[in-house]
Amino acid sequence: MARLSREEVAKVARLARIALDEVELERFTDQLAQVLEHVADLEALDLADVAPTAHPHGLANVVRDDEVRASLDRAEVLAQAPDVAEDRFAVPRIIGEAP
């Protein structure tokens, strides 16, 4: 695989509308080249017998049975709220109002 050039990184940055100064351009050229080399290494692997997976480790949800517990007193909780309307928490509207 040919080495990535500064001009190619600058072109990609320009297409993505990312402004890079000279120091960033140099750093990102090296970093992107390393990423592409790693991808090339992965592409070279024989994965014909490897099953597709979304995660490298087997995951299982750890859940517990639902248990009914004591509930908070509604009046006590609402008494601590900064604003209450019609026995509910009152919050500012976020749609249709100017800040």
C-alpha atoms as a PDB file:
ATOM      1  CA  MET A   1       0.000   0.000   0.000  1.00  0.00           C
ATOM      2  CA  ALA A   2       1.357   3.395  -0.971  1.00  0.00           C
ATOM      3  CA  ARG A   3       2.112   5.881   1.794  1.00  0.00           C
ATOM      4  CA  LEU A   4      -0.583   8.484   2.392  1.00  0.00           C
ATOM      5  CA  SER A   5       0.452  11.959   1.279  1.00  0.00           C
ATOM      6  CA  ARG A   6      -0.146  15.302   2.991  1.00  0.00           C
ATOM      7  CA  GLU A   7      -1.994  16.450  -0.128  1.00  0.00           C
ATOM      8  CA  GLU A   8      -4.461  13.550   0.157  1.00  0.00           C
ATOM      9  CA  VAL A   9      -5.133  14.321   3.819  1.00  0.00           C
ATOM     10  CA  ALA A  10      -5.535  18.014   2.990  1.00  0.00           C
ATOM     11  CA  LYS A  11      -8.028  17.102   0.241  1.00  0.00           C
ATOM     12  CA  VAL A  12     -10.051  14.883   2.595  1.00  0.00           C
ATOM     13  CA  ALA A  13     -10.022  17.630   5.233  1.00  0.00           C
ATOM     14  CA  ARG A  14     -11.152  20.176   2.648  1.00  0.00           C
ATOM     15  CA  LEU A  15     -13.986  17.871   1.479  1.00  0.00           C
ATOM     16  CA  ALA A  16     -15.046  17.400   5.095  1.00  0.00           C
ATOM     17  CA  ARG A  17     -14.791  21.169   5.616  1.00  0.00           C
ATOM     18  CA  ILE A  18     -12.216  20.743   8.371  1.00  0.00           C
ATOM     19  CA  ALA A  19      -9.621  23.486   8.618  1.00  0.00           C
ATOM     20  CA  LEU A  20      -6.185  22.077   9.469  1.00  0.00           C
ATOM     21  CA  ASP A  21      -3.064  24.073  10.142  1.00  0.00           C
ATOM     22  CA  GLU A  22       0.368  22.747   9.117  1.00  0.00           C
ATOM     23  CA  VAL A  23       1.048  21.039  12.467  1.00  0.00           C
ATOM     24  CA  GLU A  24      -2.346  19.311  12.457  1.00  0.00           C
ATOM     25  CA  LEU A  25      -1.930  18.310   8.826  1.00  0.00           C
ATOM     26  CA  GLU A  26       1.404  16.654   9.590  1.00  0.00           C
ATOM     27  CA  ARG A  27       0.087  14.898  12.710  1.00  0.00           C
ATOM     28  CA  PHE A  28      -3.104  13.678  11.042  1.00  0.00           C
ATOM     29  CA  THR A  29      -1.207  12.464   7.981  1.00  0.00           C
ATOM     30  CA  ASP A  30       0.876  10.197  10.215  1.00  0.00           C
ATOM     31  CA  GLN A  31      -2.109   9.082  12.292  1.00  0.00           C
ATOM     32  CA  LEU A  32      -4.343   8.352   9.303  1.00  0.00           C
ATOM     33  CA  ALA A  33      -1.527   6.447   7.599  1.00  0.00           C
ATOM     34  CA  GLN A  34      -1.192   4.253  10.711  1.00  0.00           C
ATOM     35  CA  VAL A  35      -4.931   3.602  10.759  1.00  0.00           C
ATOM     36  CA  LEU A  36      -4.939   2.644   7.082  1.00  0.00           C
ATOM     37  CA  GLU A  37      -1.939   0.342   7.602  1.00  0.00           C
ATOM     38  CA  HIS A  38      -3.772  -1.383  10.441  1.00  0.00           C
ATOM     39  CA  VAL A  39      -6.872  -1.807   8.256  1.00  0.00           C
ATOM     40  CA  ALA A  40      -4.691  -3.324   5.535  1.00  0.00           C
ATOM     41  CA  ASP A  41      -3.276  -5.767   8.106  1.00  0.00           C
ATOM     42  CA  LEU A  42      -6.812  -6.756   9.101  1.00  0.00           C
ATOM     43  CA  GLU A  43      -7.856  -7.208   5.466  1.00  0.00           C
ATOM     44  CA  ALA A  44      -4.942  -9.623   4.986  1.00  0.00           C
ATOM     45  CA  LEU A  45      -6.280 -11.998   7.650  1.00  0.00           C
ATOM     46  CA  ASP A  46      -8.037 -15.212   6.612  1.00  0.00           C
ATOM     47  CA  LEU A  47     -11.412 -14.882   8.327  1.00  0.00           C
ATOM     48  CA  ALA A  48     -13.341 -17.448   6.290  1.00  0.00           C
ATOM     49  CA  ASP A  49     -13.978 -19.616   9.359  1.00  0.00           C
ATOM     50  CA  VAL A  50     -14.739 -16.751  11.744  1.00  0.00           C
ATOM     51  CA  ALA A  51     -18.402 -16.140  12.459  1.00  0.00           C
ATOM     52  CA  PRO A  52     -19.614 -12.551  12.098  1.00  0.00           C
ATOM     53  CA  THR A  53     -20.096 -10.774  15.396  1.00  0.00           C
ATOM     54  CA  ALA A  54     -21.014  -7.338  16.663  1.00  0.00           C
ATOM     55  CA  HIS A  55     -18.717  -7.551  19.682  1.00  0.00           C
ATOM     56  CA  PRO A  56     -15.482  -9.460  20.346  1.00  0.00           C
ATOM     57  CA  HIS A  57     -16.674 -10.741  23.727  1.00  0.00           C
ATOM     58  CA  GLY A  58     -19.755 -12.755  24.520  1.00  0.00           C
ATOM     59  CA  LEU A  59     -22.227 -10.443  26.211  1.00  0.00           C
ATOM     60  CA  ALA A  60     -25.304 -11.273  28.214  1.00  0.00           C
ATOM     61  CA  ASN A  61     -27.730  -8.940  29.886  1.00  0.00           C
ATOM     62  CA  VAL A  62     -27.652  -9.203  33.634  1.00  0.00           C
ATOM     63  CA  VAL A  63     -31.139  -8.604  34.890  1.00  0.00           C
ATOM     64  CA  ARG A  64     -32.939  -9.252  38.098  1.00  0.00           C
ATOM     65  CA  ASP A  65     -36.561  -9.966  38.777  1.00  0.00           C
ATOM     66  CA  ASP A  66     -38.711  -6.901  39.286  1.00  0.00           C
ATOM     67  CA  GLU A  67     -39.557  -6.323  42.914  1.00  0.00           C
ATOM     68  CA  VAL A  68     -42.252  -4.027  44.223  1.00  0.00           C
ATOM     69  CA  ARG A  69     -40.649  -1.620  46.659  1.00  0.00           C
ATOM     70  CA  ALA A  70     -41.912   1.196  48.799  1.00  0.00           C
ATOM     71  CA  SER A  71     -42.777   4.241  46.716  1.00  0.00           C
ATOM     72  CA  LEU A  72     -42.007   7.836  47.563  1.00  0.00           C
ATOM     73  CA  ASP A  73     -44.808   9.969  48.914  1.00  0.00           C
ATOM     74  CA  ARG A  74     -46.111  12.064  45.997  1.00  0.00           C
ATOM     75  CA  ALA A  75     -46.923  15.142  48.082  1.00  0.00           C
ATOM     76  CA  GLU A  76     -43.514  15.059  49.759  1.00  0.00           C
ATOM     77  CA  VAL A  77     -41.697  14.845  46.430  1.00  0.00           C
ATOM     78  CA  LEU A  78     -43.770  17.574  44.806  1.00  0.00           C
ATOM     79  CA  ALA A  79     -43.172  19.814  47.823  1.00  0.00           C
ATOM     80  CA  GLN A  80     -39.458  19.786  46.954  1.00  0.00           C
ATOM     81  CA  ALA A  81     -39.976  20.650  43.273  1.00  0.00           C
ATOM     82  CA  PRO A  82     -39.178  24.189  42.110  1.00  0.00           C
ATOM     83  CA  ASP A  83     -42.497  24.439  40.235  1.00  0.00           C
ATOM     84  CA  VAL A  84     -45.671  22.333  40.351  1.00  0.00           C
ATOM     85  CA  ALA A  85     -48.789  22.537  38.187  1.00  0.00           C
ATOM     86  CA  GLU A  86     -51.886  20.341  38.506  1.00  0.00           C
ATOM     87  CA  ASP A  87     -50.168  17.953  40.949  1.00  0.00           C
ATOM     88  CA  ARG A  88     -47.261  17.376  38.525  1.00  0.00           C
ATOM     89  CA  PHE A  89     -43.752  18.709  37.994  1.00  0.00           C
ATOM     90  CA  ALA A  90     -43.911  21.886  35.907  1.00  0.00           C
ATOM     91  CA  VAL A  91     -41.104  22.305  33.417  1.00  0.00           C
ATOM     92  CA  PRO A  92     -40.477  24.973  30.773  1.00  0.00           C
ATOM     93  CA  ARG A  93     -41.669  24.264  27.260  1.00  0.00           C
ATOM     94  CA  ILE A  94     -38.851  23.586  24.824  1.00  0.00           C
ATOM     95  CA  ILE A  95     -40.756  23.501  21.551  1.00  0.00           C
ATOM     96  CA  GLY A  96     -42.258  26.597  20.034  1.00  0.00           C
ATOM     97  CA  GLU A  97     -40.802  29.131  22.439  1.00  0.00           C
ATOM     98  CA  ALA A  98     -37.845  31.412  22.034  1.00  0.00           C
ATOM     99  CA  PRO A  99     -35.127  31.121  24.669  1.00  0.00           C
END
